[in-house]
Protein backbone atom coordinates (compact mmCIF):
# COMPACT_ATOMS: atom_id res chain seq x y z
CA UNK A 1 0.00 0.00 0.00
CA UNK A 2 1.03 3.65 -0.37
CA UNK A 3 0.52 5.70 2.75
CA UNK A 4 0.09 9.44 3.14
CA UNK A 5 2.34 10.88 5.89
CA UNK A 6 2.00 14.52 7.00
CA UNK A 7 4.39 15.86 9.13
CA UNK A 8 23.78 16.32 4.47
CA UNK A 9 23.89 16.11 1.01
CA UNK A 10 22.28 18.46 -1.50
CA UNK A 11 21.02 17.50 -4.96
CA UNK A 12 19.58 20.39 -6.95
CA UNK A 13 17.56 19.95 -10.12
CA UNK A 14 16.69 23.05 -12.11
CA UNK A 15 14.29 22.47 -14.99
CA UNK A 16 12.28 25.18 -16.69
CA UNK A 17 10.94 27.62 -14.06
CA UNK A 18 11.02 25.44 -10.94
CA UNK A 19 14.01 24.35 -8.89
CA UNK A 20 13.82 21.44 -6.46
CA UNK A 21 16.60 20.67 -3.98
CA UNK A 22 16.91 17.22 -2.42
CA UNK A 23 18.34 17.05 1.10
CA UNK A 24 19.94 13.65 1.62
CA UNK A 25 19.15 12.89 5.26
CA UNK A 26 20.87 9.49 5.45
CA UNK A 27 24.13 8.85 7.34
CA UNK A 28 27.34 7.80 5.57
CA UNK A 29 27.28 4.26 4.19
CA UNK A 30 23.50 3.83 4.56
CA UNK A 31 20.45 4.16 2.32
CA UNK A 32 21.00 6.98 -0.14
CA UNK A 33 24.75 6.79 0.64
CA UNK A 34 25.12 3.01 0.34
CA UNK A 35 28.47 2.33 -1.39
CA UNK A 36 27.57 -1.18 -2.60
CA UNK A 37 28.72 -1.51 -6.26
CA UNK A 38 25.93 -2.09 -8.80
CA UNK A 39 25.59 -2.21 -12.57
CA UNK A 40 23.67 0.48 -14.49
CA UNK A 41 20.04 -0.37 -15.21
CA UNK A 42 17.60 1.05 -17.78
CA UNK A 43 18.91 4.61 -18.03
CA UNK A 44 20.11 4.79 -14.42
CA UNK A 45 23.89 5.00 -14.77
CA UNK A 46 24.71 5.01 -11.05
CA UNK A 47 27.53 2.67 -10.06
CA UNK A 48 26.65 2.36 -6.36
CA UNK A 49 23.34 1.48 -4.73
CA UNK A 50 23.11 4.88 -3.04
CA UNK A 51 23.84 6.71 -6.28
CA UNK A 52 21.14 4.78 -8.16
CA UNK A 53 18.61 5.59 -5.44
CA UNK A 54 19.46 9.30 -5.65
CA UNK A 55 19.24 9.14 -9.45
CA UNK A 56 15.67 7.83 -9.22
CA UNK A 57 14.78 10.68 -6.87
CA UNK A 58 16.32 13.12 -9.35
CA UNK A 59 14.37 11.60 -12.24
CA UNK A 60 11.07 11.91 -10.33
CA UNK A 61 11.92 15.53 -9.55
CA UNK A 62 12.66 16.26 -13.23
CA UNK A 63 9.22 14.94 -14.20
CA UNK A 64 7.42 17.12 -11.66
CA UNK A 65 9.48 20.24 -12.42
CA UNK A 66 8.59 19.91 -16.09
CA UNK A 67 4.99 20.65 -15.08
CA UNK A 68 5.12 23.14 -12.19
CA UNK A 69 5.92 26.85 -12.27
CA UNK A 70 7.20 28.17 -8.94
CA UNK A 71 9.49 31.18 -8.43
CA UNK A 72 10.49 29.69 -5.05
CA UNK A 73 12.78 26.64 -4.91
CA UNK A 74 11.14 23.53 -3.45
CA UNK A 75 13.19 21.66 -0.84
CA UNK A 76 12.56 17.95 -0.18
CA UNK A 77 14.24 15.98 2.60
CA UNK A 78 14.63 12.31 1.63
CA UNK A 79 15.66 9.38 3.81
CA UNK A 80 15.45 5.59 3.76
CA UNK A 81 13.91 4.00 6.84
CA UNK A 82 12.78 0.62 8.07
CA UNK A 83 9.00 0.43 7.74
CA UNK A 84 6.29 -2.22 7.92
CA UNK A 85 6.65 -5.00 5.36
CA UNK A 86 5.39 -8.59 5.10
CA UNK A 87 5.43 -11.16 2.34
CA UNK A 88 2.24 -9.69 0.88
CA UNK A 89 1.98 -6.03 1.87
CA UNK A 90 4.17 -3.07 2.76
CA UNK A 91 4.31 0.64 3.36
CA UNK A 92 6.48 1.35 0.32
CA UNK A 93 7.12 5.01 1.04
CA UNK A 94 5.45 8.04 2.53
CA UNK A 95 5.56 11.77 1.97
CA UNK A 96 3.80 14.92 3.02
CA UNK A 97 4.11 18.64 3.59
CA UNK A 98 6.63 19.61 6.26
CA UNK A 99 4.63 22.76 6.88
CA UNK A 100 1.22 24.26 6.09
CA UNK A 101 0.21 27.91 5.71
CA UNK A 102 -2.95 30.01 5.54
CA UNK A 103 -3.75 33.69 4.92
CA UNK A 104 -0.42 34.31 3.18
CA UNK A 105 -0.03 36.96 0.42
CA UNK A 106 -1.99 36.00 -2.72
CA UNK A 107 -3.77 33.10 -0.99
CA UNK A 108 -6.81 32.26 -3.18
CA UNK A 109 -8.92 31.16 -0.18
CA UNK A 110 -8.81 32.89 3.19
CA UNK A 111 -8.64 30.91 6.42
CA UNK A 112 -7.59 27.81 4.45
CA UNK A 113 -4.51 25.61 4.81
CA UNK A 114 -2.16 25.10 1.85
CA UNK A 115 0.84 22.77 1.47
CA UNK A 116 4.16 24.59 2.00
CA UNK A 117 5.44 24.26 -1.59
CA UNK A 118 2.13 25.45 -3.04
CA UNK A 119 1.82 28.32 -0.56
CA UNK A 120 5.35 29.49 -1.43
CA UNK A 121 4.59 29.33 -5.17
CA UNK A 122 1.42 31.40 -4.74
CA UNK A 123 2.99 33.89 -2.34
CA UNK A 124 6.06 34.31 -4.56
CA UNK A 125 8.36 34.04 -1.55
CA UNK A 126 9.62 31.40 0.88
CA UNK A 127 7.25 31.62 3.85
CA UNK A 128 9.62 29.62 6.07
CA UNK A 129 13.14 29.91 4.63
CA UNK A 130 14.71 27.95 7.47
CA UNK A 131 12.75 24.76 6.76
CA UNK A 132 12.33 22.28 3.94
CA UNK A 133 8.93 21.90 2.31
CA UNK A 134 8.36 18.15 1.90
CA UNK A 135 9.39 15.02 3.82
CA UNK A 136 9.75 11.71 2.00
CA UNK A 137 10.97 8.37 3.32
CA UNK A 138 11.52 5.14 1.42
CA UNK A 139 11.17 1.70 2.97
CA UNK A 140 14.67 0.19 2.97
CA UNK A 141 13.32 -3.22 3.96
CA UNK A 142 12.45 -3.97 0.33
CA UNK A 143 16.18 -4.35 -0.30
CA UNK A 144 17.27 -5.40 3.19
CA UNK A 145 14.69 -8.00 4.30
CA UNK A 146 14.25 -11.23 2.27
CA UNK A 147 10.82 -11.66 3.88
CA UNK A 148 9.61 -8.30 2.54
CA UNK A 149 7.37 -8.75 -0.52
CA UNK A 150 9.15 -11.99 -1.42
CA UNK A 151 12.59 -10.41 -1.29
CA UNK A 152 12.25 -9.00 -4.83
CA UNK A 153 13.40 -5.52 -3.84
CA UNK A 154 13.29 -2.09 -5.43
CA UNK A 155 13.66 -1.51 -9.18
CA UNK A 156 15.94 1.44 -9.98
CA UNK A 157 15.52 1.63 -13.76
CA UNK A 158 13.79 4.52 -15.51
CA UNK A 159 11.73 2.43 -17.97
CA UNK A 160 9.02 1.13 -15.58
CA UNK A 161 9.90 -2.43 -16.61
CA UNK A 162 10.07 -3.62 -13.01
CA UNK A 163 8.89 -7.22 -13.42
CA UNK A 164 8.58 -8.78 -9.94
CA UNK A 165 10.35 -5.82 -8.29
CA UNK A 166 8.71 -2.59 -7.08
CA UNK A 167 9.14 0.45 -9.34
CA UNK A 168 10.72 3.15 -7.15
CA UNK A 169 10.24 5.85 -9.81
CA UNK A 170 6.46 5.34 -9.89
CA UNK A 171 6.34 5.26 -6.09
CA UNK A 172 8.26 8.54 -5.79
CA UNK A 173 6.11 10.28 -8.39
CA UNK A 174 3.13 9.28 -6.26
CA UNK A 175 4.70 10.41 -2.99
CA UNK A 176 5.94 13.74 -4.32
CA UNK A 177 2.35 14.27 -5.51
CA UNK A 178 1.19 14.06 -1.89
CA UNK A 179 3.84 16.48 -0.70
CA UNK A 180 3.05 18.98 -3.43
CA UNK A 181 -0.70 19.12 -2.80
CA UNK A 182 -2.56 15.83 -3.17
CA UNK A 183 -3.66 15.42 0.45
CA UNK A 184 -5.96 16.99 3.00
CA UNK A 185 -5.17 17.90 6.62
CA UNK A 186 -8.29 16.38 8.17
CA UNK A 187 -8.27 13.64 10.81
CA UNK A 188 -10.63 11.23 9.04
CA UNK A 189 -11.00 9.10 12.18
CA UNK A 190 -12.66 11.97 14.04
CA UNK A 191 -13.58 14.38 11.24
CA UNK A 192 -11.73 17.23 12.96
CA UNK A 193 -9.98 20.01 11.03
CA UNK A 194 -6.33 20.89 11.57
CA UNK A 195 -6.34 23.71 14.11
CA UNK A 196 -10.01 24.24 13.38
CA UNK A 197 -9.33 25.54 9.86
CA UNK A 198 -10.27 23.87 6.53
CA UNK A 199 -7.77 23.02 3.79
CA UNK A 200 -7.76 23.61 0.04
CA UNK A 201 -7.97 19.89 -0.83
CA UNK A 202 -11.16 19.44 1.23
CA UNK A 203 -12.76 22.45 -0.47
CA UNK A 204 -13.15 20.21 -3.56
CA UNK A 205 -14.26 17.08 -1.64
CA UNK A 206 -18.03 16.52 -1.65
CA UNK A 207 -20.38 13.83 -0.40
CA UNK A 208 -23.08 13.34 -3.04
CA UNK A 209 -25.47 11.72 -0.56
CA UNK A 210 -25.50 14.72 1.78
CA UNK A 211 -24.79 17.25 -0.96
CA UNK A 212 -22.19 18.94 1.26
CA UNK A 213 -18.57 19.88 0.66
CA UNK A 214 -16.20 18.71 3.37
CA UNK A 215 -15.29 22.22 4.48
CA UNK A 216 -18.98 22.90 5.17
CA UNK A 217 -19.56 19.74 7.25
CA UNK A 218 -19.53 19.15 10.98
CA UNK A 219 -16.86 16.86 12.41
CA UNK A 220 -19.39 14.06 12.72
CA UNK A 221 -20.51 14.51 9.11
CA UNK A 222 -16.90 14.34 7.85
CA UNK A 223 -16.25 11.27 9.98
CA UNK A 224 -19.25 9.52 8.40
CA UNK A 225 -18.42 10.71 4.90
CA UNK A 226 -14.85 9.33 5.08
CA UNK A 227 -16.28 5.80 4.76
CA UNK A 228 -19.15 6.61 2.41
CA UNK A 229 -17.90 5.05 -0.83
CA UNK A 230 -18.90 5.54 -3.67
CA UNK A 231 -20.39 8.94 -2.86
CA UNK A 232 -17.25 10.95 -1.99
CA UNK A 233 -16.05 12.82 -5.09
CA UNK A 234 -13.70 15.55 -6.30
CA UNK A 235 -15.59 18.56 -7.67
CA UNK A 236 -12.72 20.62 -9.08
CA UNK A 237 -13.59 21.87 -12.58
CA UNK A 238 -10.23 21.01 -14.20
CA UNK A 239 -10.39 17.36 -13.13
CA UNK A 240 -14.06 17.04 -14.02
CA UNK A 241 -13.54 18.42 -17.52
CA UNK A 242 -10.56 16.10 -18.10
CA UNK A 243 -12.30 12.83 -17.13
CA UNK A 244 -12.96 11.76 -20.77
CA UNK A 245 -9.27 12.31 -21.59
CA UNK A 246 -7.97 10.00 -18.87
CA UNK A 247 -10.60 7.40 -17.98
CA UNK A 248 -12.36 4.60 -19.79
CA UNK A 249 -16.10 4.21 -19.61
CA UNK A 250 -17.43 1.82 -17.00
CA UNK A 251 -17.39 -1.84 -17.92
CA UNK A 252 -20.74 -3.58 -17.93
CA UNK A 253 -22.04 -7.06 -18.58
CA UNK A 254 -25.14 -7.17 -20.75
CA UNK A 255 -27.17 -10.37 -20.53
CA UNK A 256 -28.99 -10.72 -23.86
CA UNK A 257 -30.81 -14.01 -23.21
CA UNK A 258 -32.80 -15.57 -21.74
CA UNK A 259 -35.30 -12.71 -21.51
CA UNK A 260 -36.20 -13.03 -17.79
CA UNK A 261 -32.63 -12.13 -16.73
CA UNK A 262 -31.73 -9.78 -19.62
CA UNK A 263 -30.26 -6.41 -18.70
CA UNK A 264 -27.08 -4.52 -17.86
CA UNK A 265 -25.04 -5.47 -14.79
CA UNK A 266 -21.94 -3.78 -13.25
CA UNK A 267 -18.56 -5.32 -13.97
CA UNK A 268 -14.92 -4.78 -13.02
CA UNK A 269 -12.15 -5.07 -15.65
CA UNK A 270 -8.98 -6.98 -14.80
CA UNK A 271 -5.67 -5.17 -14.35
CA UNK A 272 -4.06 -7.75 -16.65
CA UNK A 273 -4.72 -8.90 -20.18
CA UNK A 274 -6.30 -6.84 -22.98
CA UNK A 275 -9.29 -4.57 -22.51
CA UNK A 276 -12.67 -5.50 -23.88
CA UNK A 277 -12.90 -4.22 -27.49
CA UNK A 278 -14.65 -0.86 -27.87
CA UNK A 279 -17.30 -2.59 -29.97
CA UNK A 280 -17.94 -5.16 -27.24
CA UNK A 281 -17.49 -8.93 -27.20
CA UNK A 282 -20.45 -11.33 -27.33
CA UNK A 283 -20.79 -15.05 -26.76
CA UNK A 284 -22.39 -17.90 -24.86
CA UNK A 285 -21.46 -18.47 -21.23
CA UNK A 286 -20.13 -21.87 -20.15
CA UNK A 287 -19.27 -22.74 -16.54
CA UNK A 288 -15.64 -23.88 -16.28
CA UNK A 289 -15.10 -27.25 -14.64
CA UNK A 290 -11.59 -28.19 -13.55
CA UNK A 291 -12.21 -31.60 -12.01
CA UNK A 292 -10.59 -30.78 -8.64
CA UNK A 293 -12.88 -29.61 -5.82
CA UNK A 294 -14.02 -26.89 -5.74
CA UNK A 295 -14.55 -27.67 -9.40
CA UNK A 296 -15.55 -24.18 -10.63
CA UNK A 297 -12.68 -22.07 -9.26
CA UNK A 298 -10.50 -22.48 -12.35
CA UNK A 299 -7.33 -23.06 -10.37
CA UNK A 300 -6.49 -26.18 -12.39
CA UNK A 301 -6.70 -26.84 -16.14
CA UNK A 302 -10.29 -27.15 -17.37
CA UNK A 303 -11.67 -30.64 -17.76
CA UNK A 304 -14.47 -29.42 -20.07
CA UNK A 305 -12.19 -27.74 -22.58
CA UNK A 306 -14.27 -28.85 -25.55
CA UNK A 307 -17.31 -27.03 -24.19
CA UNK A 308 -15.31 -23.83 -23.57
CA UNK A 309 -13.88 -23.52 -27.06
CA UNK A 310 -15.02 -20.17 -28.52
CA UNK A 311 -17.21 -19.45 -25.46
CA UNK A 312 -17.10 -17.10 -22.48
CA UNK A 313 -15.98 -18.96 -19.35
CA UNK A 314 -17.67 -18.36 -15.98
CA UNK A 315 -15.38 -19.00 -13.00
CA UNK A 316 -15.80 -18.61 -9.23
CA UNK A 317 -13.47 -16.36 -7.25
CA UNK A 318 -11.15 -17.89 -4.64
CA UNK A 319 -8.19 -20.22 -3.94
CA UNK A 320 -5.77 -18.86 -6.58
CA UNK A 321 -4.83 -15.74 -8.52
CA UNK A 322 -7.31 -14.15 -10.92
CA UNK A 323 -4.70 -14.35 -13.68
CA UNK A 324 -4.26 -18.11 -13.14
CA UNK A 325 -7.99 -18.64 -13.60
CA UNK A 326 -8.09 -16.62 -16.81
CA UNK A 327 -5.01 -18.34 -18.20
CA UNK A 328 -6.55 -21.79 -17.61
CA UNK A 329 -9.72 -20.71 -19.43
CA UNK A 330 -7.66 -19.22 -22.26
CA UNK A 331 -5.72 -22.48 -22.63
CA UNK A 332 -9.05 -24.29 -22.99
CA UNK A 333 -10.05 -22.03 -25.90
CA UNK A 334 -12.30 -19.49 -24.14
CA UNK A 335 -12.55 -16.06 -25.79
CA UNK A 336 -13.22 -14.18 -22.52
CA UNK A 337 -13.78 -14.81 -18.81
CA UNK A 338 -16.29 -13.75 -16.19
CA UNK A 339 -15.22 -14.20 -12.55
CA UNK A 340 -18.06 -14.26 -10.03
CA UNK A 341 -17.27 -12.80 -6.62
CA UNK A 342 -17.55 -14.92 -3.46
CA UNK A 343 -18.70 -11.95 -1.37
CA UNK A 344 -20.64 -8.73 -1.88
CA UNK A 345 -19.51 -6.18 -4.44
CA UNK A 346 -17.22 -6.56 -7.43
CA UNK A 347 -13.99 -8.57 -7.23
CA UNK A 348 -10.84 -6.39 -7.47
CA UNK A 349 -9.34 -8.32 -10.44
CA UNK A 350 -5.74 -7.33 -9.69
CA UNK A 351 -2.56 -9.09 -10.77
CA UNK A 352 -0.15 -9.26 -13.66
CA UNK A 353 0.24 -11.94 -16.34
CA UNK A 354 1.72 -11.10 -19.75
CA UNK A 355 0.63 -14.49 -21.15
CA UNK A 356 -3.07 -13.59 -20.84
CA UNK A 357 -4.42 -12.52 -24.25
CA UNK A 358 -8.20 -12.56 -23.63
CA UNK A 359 -10.28 -9.98 -21.71
CA UNK A 360 -11.87 -10.72 -18.35
CA UNK A 361 -14.41 -9.03 -16.11
CA UNK A 362 -15.34 -9.50 -12.47
CA UNK A 363 -19.05 -9.65 -11.65
CA UNK A 364 -21.08 -9.65 -8.46
CA UNK A 365 -21.82 -12.95 -6.71
CA UNK A 366 -25.58 -12.52 -7.24
CA UNK A 367 -25.09 -12.03 -11.00
CA UNK A 368 -22.89 -15.10 -11.17
CA UNK A 369 -25.54 -17.16 -9.39
CA UNK A 370 -28.23 -15.84 -11.73
CA UNK A 371 -26.23 -16.93 -14.76
CA UNK A 372 -25.52 -20.38 -13.28
CA UNK A 373 -29.21 -20.93 -12.56
CA UNK A 374 -30.05 -20.30 -16.23
CA UNK A 375 -27.35 -22.37 -17.96
CA UNK A 376 -27.14 -23.47 -20.69
CA UNK A 377 -28.25 -20.82 -23.14
CA UNK A 378 -27.09 -17.61 -21.42
CA UNK A 379 -25.89 -15.14 -24.09
CA UNK A 380 -23.95 -12.08 -22.95
CA UNK A 381 -21.97 -9.10 -24.22
CA UNK A 382 -18.94 -7.68 -22.44
CA UNK A 383 -19.28 -3.95 -23.08
CA UNK A 384 -19.02 -0.38 -21.80
CA UNK A 385 -21.48 2.02 -20.19
CA UNK A 386 -22.33 4.63 -22.82
CA UNK A 387 -22.55 7.46 -20.25
CA UNK A 388 -20.43 6.82 -17.16
CA UNK A 389 -16.65 6.58 -16.76
CA UNK A 390 -14.87 4.06 -14.53
CA UNK A 391 -14.26 5.49 -11.08
CA UNK A 392 -16.83 8.29 -11.35
CA UNK A 393 -20.16 9.10 -9.74
CA UNK A 394 -22.50 11.85 -10.87
CA UNK A 395 -19.96 13.01 -13.43
CA UNK A 396 -17.24 13.51 -10.80
CA UNK A 397 -14.10 11.46 -10.10
CA UNK A 398 -14.43 9.51 -6.88
CA UNK A 399 -12.02 9.68 -3.96
CA UNK A 400 -10.98 6.63 -1.95
CA UNK A 401 -13.54 6.21 0.86
CA UNK A 402 -13.57 2.53 1.89
CA UNK A 403 -15.42 1.15 4.90
CA UNK A 404 -13.71 0.53 7.28
CA UNK A 405 -11.44 3.57 7.26
CA UNK A 406 -7.84 3.05 6.10
CA UNK A 407 -5.67 5.71 7.81
CA UNK A 408 -3.17 7.23 5.38
CA UNK A 409 -5.18 5.97 2.42
CA UNK A 410 -8.77 7.16 2.82
CA UNK A 411 -9.85 10.33 0.97
CA UNK A 412 -6.36 11.56 -0.03
CA UNK A 413 -6.28 9.18 -3.02
CA UNK A 414 -8.37 8.51 -6.10
CA UNK A 415 -10.64 5.47 -6.05
CA UNK A 416 -8.96 2.23 -7.20
CA UNK A 417 -12.03 1.68 -9.44
CA UNK A 418 -10.65 4.21 -11.95
CA UNK A 419 -9.63 2.64 -15.27
CA UNK A 420 -6.91 2.83 -16.38
CA UNK A 421 -5.02 3.06 -13.10
CA UNK A 422 -4.15 6.58 -11.94
CA UNK A 423 -0.92 7.68 -10.26
CA UNK A 424 -2.65 8.79 -7.04
CA UNK A 425 -4.61 5.63 -6.33
CA UNK A 426 -3.83 3.97 -2.96
CA UNK A 427 -1.69 1.22 -4.55
CA UNK A 428 1.03 1.28 -7.20
CA UNK A 429 0.12 -0.77 -10.29
CA UNK A 430 2.43 -2.19 -13.01
CA UNK A 431 0.97 -0.04 -15.80
CA UNK A 432 2.13 3.33 -14.39
CA UNK A 433 4.64 5.36 -16.41
CA UNK A 434 6.19 8.85 -16.25
CA UNK A 435 2.73 10.30 -16.97
CA UNK A 436 1.33 12.18 -13.95
CA UNK A 437 -2.10 11.88 -15.64
CA UNK A 438 -5.12 13.63 -14.16
CA UNK A 439 -3.16 14.55 -11.02
CA UNK A 440 -1.91 17.62 -12.86
CA UNK A 441 -5.53 18.72 -13.30
CA UNK A 442 -6.04 18.29 -9.54
CA UNK A 443 -3.05 20.57 -9.01
CA UNK A 444 -4.67 23.10 -11.34
CA UNK A 445 -7.84 22.97 -9.24
CA UNK A 446 -6.02 23.72 -5.97
CA UNK A 447 -4.20 26.66 -7.54
CA UNK A 448 -0.79 25.39 -8.63
CA UNK A 449 0.78 27.60 -11.33
CA UNK A 450 1.49 25.17 -14.16
CA UNK A 451 3.83 25.23 -17.11
CA UNK A 452 2.59 24.44 -20.60
CA UNK A 453 2.27 20.68 -20.88
CA UNK A 454 5.61 19.09 -21.65
CA UNK A 455 5.90 16.55 -24.47
CA UNK A 456 8.64 14.00 -24.80
CA UNK A 457 11.63 14.14 -27.11
CA UNK A 458 11.76 12.21 -30.37
CA UNK A 459 14.68 12.43 -32.81
CA UNK A 460 13.23 12.60 -36.32
CA UNK A 461 16.45 13.35 -38.24
CA UNK A 462 19.93 12.04 -37.42
CA UNK A 463 23.31 13.44 -38.54
CA UNK A 464 24.92 11.72 -41.55
CA UNK A 465 28.43 10.47 -42.27
CA UNK A 466 30.80 12.95 -43.98
CA UNK A 467 34.08 12.54 -45.89
CA UNK A 468 35.86 15.89 -46.08
CA UNK A 469 39.14 17.51 -47.04
CA UNK A 470 41.34 19.26 -44.50
CA UNK A 471 40.23 22.89 -44.35
CA UNK A 472 36.70 22.14 -45.56
CA UNK A 473 33.57 23.29 -43.64
CA UNK A 474 31.48 20.42 -42.28
CA UNK A 475 27.92 20.69 -40.95
CA UNK A 476 26.07 18.12 -38.82
CA UNK A 477 22.44 18.56 -37.76
CA UNK A 478 19.71 16.81 -35.82
CA UNK A 479 15.93 17.27 -36.07
CA UNK A 480 13.68 16.64 -33.05
CA UNK A 481 10.12 16.99 -31.80
CA UNK A 482 9.14 17.73 -28.20
CA UNK A 483 8.89 20.59 -25.74
CA UNK A 484 11.91 22.88 -25.22
CA UNK A 485 14.69 20.49 -26.25
CA UNK A 486 18.32 21.16 -25.30
CA UNK A 487 21.31 19.86 -27.28
CA UNK A 488 24.85 18.72 -26.53
CA UNK A 489 27.16 17.59 -29.32
CA UNK A 490 29.81 15.00 -28.57
CA UNK A 491 32.92 13.70 -30.32
CA UNK A 492 33.69 10.07 -29.49
CA UNK A 493 31.47 10.38 -26.41
CA UNK A 494 33.07 13.56 -25.04
CA UNK A 495 31.10 16.82 -24.77
CA UNK A 496 32.09 19.54 -27.23
CA UNK A 497 32.17 22.74 -25.18
CA UNK A 498 29.64 25.33 -26.31
CA UNK A 499 28.13 23.15 -29.04
CA UNK A 500 24.54 23.23 -27.74
CA UNK A 501 22.36 23.95 -30.78
CA UNK A 502 20.63 21.61 -33.21
CA UNK A 503 23.36 22.29 -35.80
CA UNK A 504 27.10 21.72 -35.38
CA UNK A 505 29.35 23.71 -37.75
CA UNK A 506 33.04 22.81 -38.06
CA UNK A 507 34.46 25.74 -40.02
CA UNK A 508 37.81 24.24 -41.08
CA UNK A 509 38.33 20.59 -40.28
CA UNK A 510 41.66 18.88 -39.69
CA UNK A 511 42.64 15.26 -39.04
CA UNK A 512 42.14 15.91 -35.31
CA UNK A 513 38.40 16.40 -35.99
CA UNK A 514 37.91 12.89 -37.35
CA UNK A 515 35.71 10.56 -35.31
CA UNK A 516 32.12 9.78 -34.37
CA UNK A 517 29.76 12.68 -33.72
CA UNK A 518 26.53 12.32 -31.72
CA UNK A 519 24.02 14.77 -30.28
CA UNK A 520 22.39 14.22 -26.88
CA UNK A 521 18.90 15.76 -26.72
CA UNK A 522 16.92 16.17 -23.53
CA UNK A 523 14.11 18.00 -21.72
CA UNK A 524 12.29 17.43 -18.43
CA UNK A 525 9.70 15.02 -19.84
CA UNK A 526 11.76 12.00 -20.79
CA UNK A 527 15.20 10.52 -20.31
CA UNK A 528 17.90 11.96 -22.63
CA UNK A 529 18.10 10.62 -26.19
CA UNK A 530 21.31 10.34 -28.20
CA UNK A 531 21.36 10.51 -31.98
CA UNK A 532 22.85 7.86 -34.19
CA UNK A 533 26.60 8.42 -34.63
CA UNK A 534 27.86 10.21 -37.76
CA UNK A 535 31.44 9.45 -38.77
CA UNK A 536 33.67 12.26 -40.02
CA UNK A 537 36.52 10.96 -42.21
CA UNK A 538 39.28 13.40 -43.14
CA UNK A 539 41.09 12.93 -46.46
CA UNK A 540 44.57 14.45 -46.15
CA UNK A 541 46.81 13.36 -49.09
CA UNK A 542 49.68 15.42 -50.47
CA UNK A 543 49.05 17.43 -53.65
CA UNK A 544 51.36 16.76 -56.58
CA UNK A 545 53.23 19.84 -57.80
CA UNK A 546 52.76 18.67 -61.38
CA UNK A 547 49.00 19.27 -61.46
CA UNK A 548 47.16 22.51 -61.99
CA UNK A 549 46.57 24.76 -58.92
CA UNK A 550 42.81 24.69 -59.39
CA UNK A 551 42.85 20.94 -58.79
CA UNK A 552 42.58 21.86 -55.15
CA UNK A 553 39.08 23.20 -55.78
CA UNK A 554 36.38 21.24 -53.98
CA UNK A 555 34.39 21.25 -57.21
CA UNK A 556 37.19 19.39 -58.95
CA UNK A 557 37.68 16.81 -56.21
CA UNK A 558 34.93 17.27 -53.63
CA UNK A 559 36.12 14.54 -51.26
CA UNK A 560 39.88 14.84 -51.82
CA UNK A 561 39.70 11.27 -53.04
CA UNK A 562 43.02 9.59 -53.67
CA UNK A 563 41.76 7.23 -56.37
CA UNK A 564 44.95 5.19 -56.76
CA UNK A 565 45.65 5.25 -53.00
CA UNK A 566 49.24 6.45 -53.31
CA UNK A 567 48.72 9.26 -50.74
CA UNK A 568 49.35 11.81 -53.52
CA UNK A 569 46.70 13.75 -55.41
CA UNK A 570 48.25 13.42 -58.86
CA UNK A 571 47.41 13.33 -62.56
CA UNK A 572 45.83 9.86 -62.22
CA UNK A 573 43.26 11.23 -59.78
CA UNK A 574 42.60 14.21 -62.03
CA UNK A 575 42.01 11.96 -65.04
CA UNK A 576 39.57 9.90 -63.00
CA UNK A 577 37.47 12.96 -62.20
CA UNK A 578 37.72 14.45 -65.70
CA UNK A 579 36.35 11.24 -67.13
């Protein structure tokens, strides 16, 4: 789980208009200063464990700074600590504002708490220059304890290809989101406000059943609302307008026949495998039988494979992973899977399995029983709600409000029912990337000054090989797309001082200029890209005194080519070109 937590060495990242400084709070030889040698991984070129951890922090900072516009540097104190972890669950990391402010200059709402970094950005000055703005700690037990989440450890690459490990970059993007503004300052257990004053996050939190915003509720009303899923929503206009850009429409199961049970029923898509096609997927439902009690849980290969071929398999929840059930049905020839819950509500359908190539939906236990009682002959369509988006209610994006309350998770996260997964859900999922998704719209709602949306770099034109004479002008160029790219030309991997434009001009080349030229292109959205190498070859033969002076013209011999390879530009070479 990811928990909200409200509360040396310096690493400074300056990107666009916002500067973020990381305070390394770990002692020598530990955590962010661990000297254990490691090999580079997926863009992270650190050679020690501590260096790779700091590089991931820096990468997360670069992503956030490419979106935020603050005239005041943001200071984050980072440490690694031992936190709760078992074989199946852990507090991966936690972050929050180190200070909160109200009634500062330029505050949009009076008498309202704001996170330190946001308050500074709005005020245009550091409201507490002696303190850092955000605390973040990372659970070191993922690397140190073999009994923590199976001993798989942290993944320090930048490509989100974590496999069985836990993606630290995605976790830090999430946690920095909390520290920058995605959290309230309410005690959800009691409903009380911090110091008796509301906060900006809660000003956009509403309970649709009571029709009240959180800042207008009594303590008792907030306490009750904190567990009132699915009626607690975010009402900010930027998030609400962006819902169609980030979320899929709700999945539904339509029973087409027999007529007495026909209708639309709620469904939950799996986190693994392909999505249901936009046009829907129809077929006849067949109950999977695996031959080993309980025979309908799909935990073993199907014994009625012939009946499942080309059909939609119905399987009971329980006893093994959702992905295992779907894979067994797929191997029997099923085109899709329905998994009936064994309790109230929709099954969560989590997991990861790259071998699954058919869609699957979770359905309520009562719907599963209804289908079973009408087999054979139940015809269904796996489809989408034409009006409502996954994770919404009343046109608003839902917040996480489970019953019972989950301290550190309730309210200050999006609902896990959102599809696809969002960065600020209460758990990190394998499909997260560098995209901070609809969270940026939430920041817009609470007043963060934002930069124009950053787009990643793509090199569309690479420099080309050149053969040139000594003294000739040579030009290399690179073409790119993306927001605000910066350039650095290199010769044989070494930076060329001052060569920081898209075009490199060598006015008068000599043999010392020969080699492989590349251009590194970067911005704050993606990891740096390097162009394909272009080789510069210098032709430097001796000119024969017996040939005409104008033979030295580049038009006469544009590449100084020594045709007969005798290291002399002589009459034989001239004859070759004249012919």
